[in-house]
């Protein structure tokens, strides 16, 4: 059974020196998900790295939310393409291995028939 770990929005905002309204805006734009438990807004710990990246892009690099959305979209496309490339490489290796196997079998048969 997997246990989920959360950080409150208040703790995150205090630690990263951001306004809670910024977190609300991110939620409204679909960039993060917030859990509401016992009337507290909670951020799943699995999202912390993503949220840290967003905070850095927004505050440190002055990239607006539309730019952040575009960056996230492009990064997701890159991840998907990398997965597809890996799958295609694996399929190619399988076909190449099969080709070598068939080549070796045919070579053995030719050698047996020539004797």
Protein backbone atom coordinates (compact mmCIF):
# COMPACT_ATOMS: atom_id res chain seq x y z
CA UNK A 1 0.00 0.00 0.00
CA UNK A 2 1.36 3.39 -1.02
CA UNK A 3 1.26 6.28 1.42
CA UNK A 4 0.80 9.78 0.04
CA UNK A 5 2.72 12.61 1.61
CA UNK A 6 1.49 16.20 1.51
CA UNK A 7 2.72 19.67 2.32
CA UNK A 8 0.30 22.43 3.18
CA UNK A 9 0.05 25.39 0.84
CA UNK A 10 0.87 27.59 3.81
CA UNK A 11 4.12 25.70 4.55
CA UNK A 12 5.12 25.70 0.89
CA UNK A 13 4.47 29.42 0.53
CA UNK A 14 6.42 30.19 3.69
CA UNK A 15 9.40 28.05 2.66
CA UNK A 16 9.51 29.37 -0.92
CA UNK A 17 8.43 32.93 -0.16
CA UNK A 18 5.46 32.92 -2.55
CA UNK A 19 1.92 34.18 -2.13
CA UNK A 20 -0.88 31.62 -1.65
CA UNK A 21 -2.76 33.40 -4.44
CA UNK A 22 0.02 32.30 -6.82
CA UNK A 23 -0.67 28.67 -5.90
CA UNK A 24 -4.39 29.26 -6.46
CA UNK A 25 -3.64 30.71 -9.90
CA UNK A 26 -1.54 27.67 -10.78
CA UNK A 27 -4.42 25.42 -9.76
CA UNK A 28 -6.92 27.44 -11.79
CA UNK A 29 -4.67 27.14 -14.84
CA UNK A 30 -4.33 23.38 -14.38
CA UNK A 31 -0.61 23.48 -13.68
CA UNK A 32 -0.90 21.77 -10.28
CA UNK A 33 -3.48 19.85 -8.30
CA UNK A 34 -4.48 20.77 -4.77
CA UNK A 35 -6.09 18.34 -2.33
CA UNK A 36 -8.50 19.76 0.20
CA UNK A 37 -8.44 17.75 3.42
CA UNK A 38 -9.90 19.09 6.64
CA UNK A 39 -10.32 22.50 5.02
CA UNK A 40 -6.58 22.73 4.33
CA UNK A 41 -5.10 23.03 0.87
CA UNK A 42 -2.47 20.33 0.44
CA UNK A 43 0.09 19.70 -2.26
CA UNK A 44 1.06 16.11 -2.93
CA UNK A 45 4.79 15.63 -2.34
CA UNK A 46 5.09 14.07 -5.81
CA UNK A 47 4.27 17.49 -7.29
CA UNK A 48 6.90 19.39 -5.32
CA UNK A 49 9.62 19.14 -7.96
CA UNK A 50 7.21 20.39 -10.62
CA UNK A 51 6.00 23.19 -8.37
CA UNK A 52 9.57 24.21 -7.54
CA UNK A 53 10.32 24.36 -11.27
CA UNK A 54 7.25 26.54 -11.88
CA UNK A 55 8.16 28.90 -9.03
CA UNK A 56 11.69 29.21 -10.42
CA UNK A 57 10.46 29.90 -13.95
CA UNK A 58 7.98 32.51 -12.74
CA UNK A 59 9.98 34.34 -10.09
CA UNK A 60 13.61 33.81 -11.10
CA UNK A 61 13.27 33.91 -14.90
CA UNK A 62 10.19 36.18 -15.13
CA UNK A 63 8.30 33.77 -17.38
CA UNK A 64 4.55 34.39 -17.35
CA UNK A 65 1.98 31.65 -16.77
CA UNK A 66 1.25 31.24 -20.48
CA UNK A 67 4.97 30.72 -21.08
CA UNK A 68 5.13 28.18 -18.25
CA UNK A 69 2.15 26.32 -19.71
CA UNK A 70 3.89 26.24 -23.09
CA UNK A 71 7.14 25.02 -21.54
CA UNK A 72 5.29 22.27 -19.62
CA UNK A 73 3.45 21.22 -22.78
CA UNK A 74 6.67 21.02 -24.76
CA UNK A 75 8.43 19.08 -21.99
CA UNK A 76 5.56 16.59 -21.88
CA UNK A 77 5.81 16.17 -25.67
CA UNK A 78 9.55 15.59 -25.36
CA UNK A 79 8.96 12.94 -22.67
CA UNK A 80 6.37 11.20 -24.85
CA UNK A 81 8.66 11.32 -27.87
CA UNK A 82 11.57 9.92 -25.83
CA UNK A 83 9.36 7.04 -24.68
CA UNK A 84 8.35 6.40 -28.27
CA UNK A 85 11.99 6.48 -29.42
CA UNK A 86 12.93 3.99 -26.70
CA UNK A 87 10.07 1.69 -27.71
CA UNK A 88 11.09 1.92 -31.37
CA UNK A 89 14.74 1.19 -30.53
CA UNK A 90 13.64 -1.87 -28.57
CA UNK A 91 11.52 -3.08 -31.48
CA UNK A 92 14.40 -2.48 -33.88
CA UNK A 93 16.75 -4.50 -31.65
CA UNK A 94 14.20 -7.31 -31.63
CA UNK A 95 13.97 -7.31 -35.43
CA UNK A 96 17.74 -7.12 -35.80
CA UNK A 97 18.21 -10.03 -33.39
CA UNK A 98 15.58 -12.02 -35.30
CA UNK A 99 17.32 -11.19 -38.58
CA UNK A 100 20.70 -12.39 -37.22
CA UNK A 101 19.06 -15.56 -35.93
CA UNK A 102 17.47 -16.31 -39.30
CA UNK A 103 20.74 -15.53 -41.08
CA UNK A 104 22.63 -17.95 -38.83
CA UNK A 105 20.00 -20.68 -39.27
CA UNK A 106 20.14 -20.29 -43.07
CA UNK A 107 23.94 -20.35 -42.99
CA UNK A 108 23.92 -23.56 -40.93
CA UNK A 109 21.44 -25.17 -43.33
CA UNK A 110 23.56 -24.18 -46.34
CA UNK A 111 26.66 -25.59 -44.67
CA UNK A 112 24.83 -28.84 -43.87
CA UNK A 113 23.53 -29.16 -47.44
CA UNK A 114 26.94 -28.50 -49.00
CA UNK A 115 28.53 -31.46 -47.17
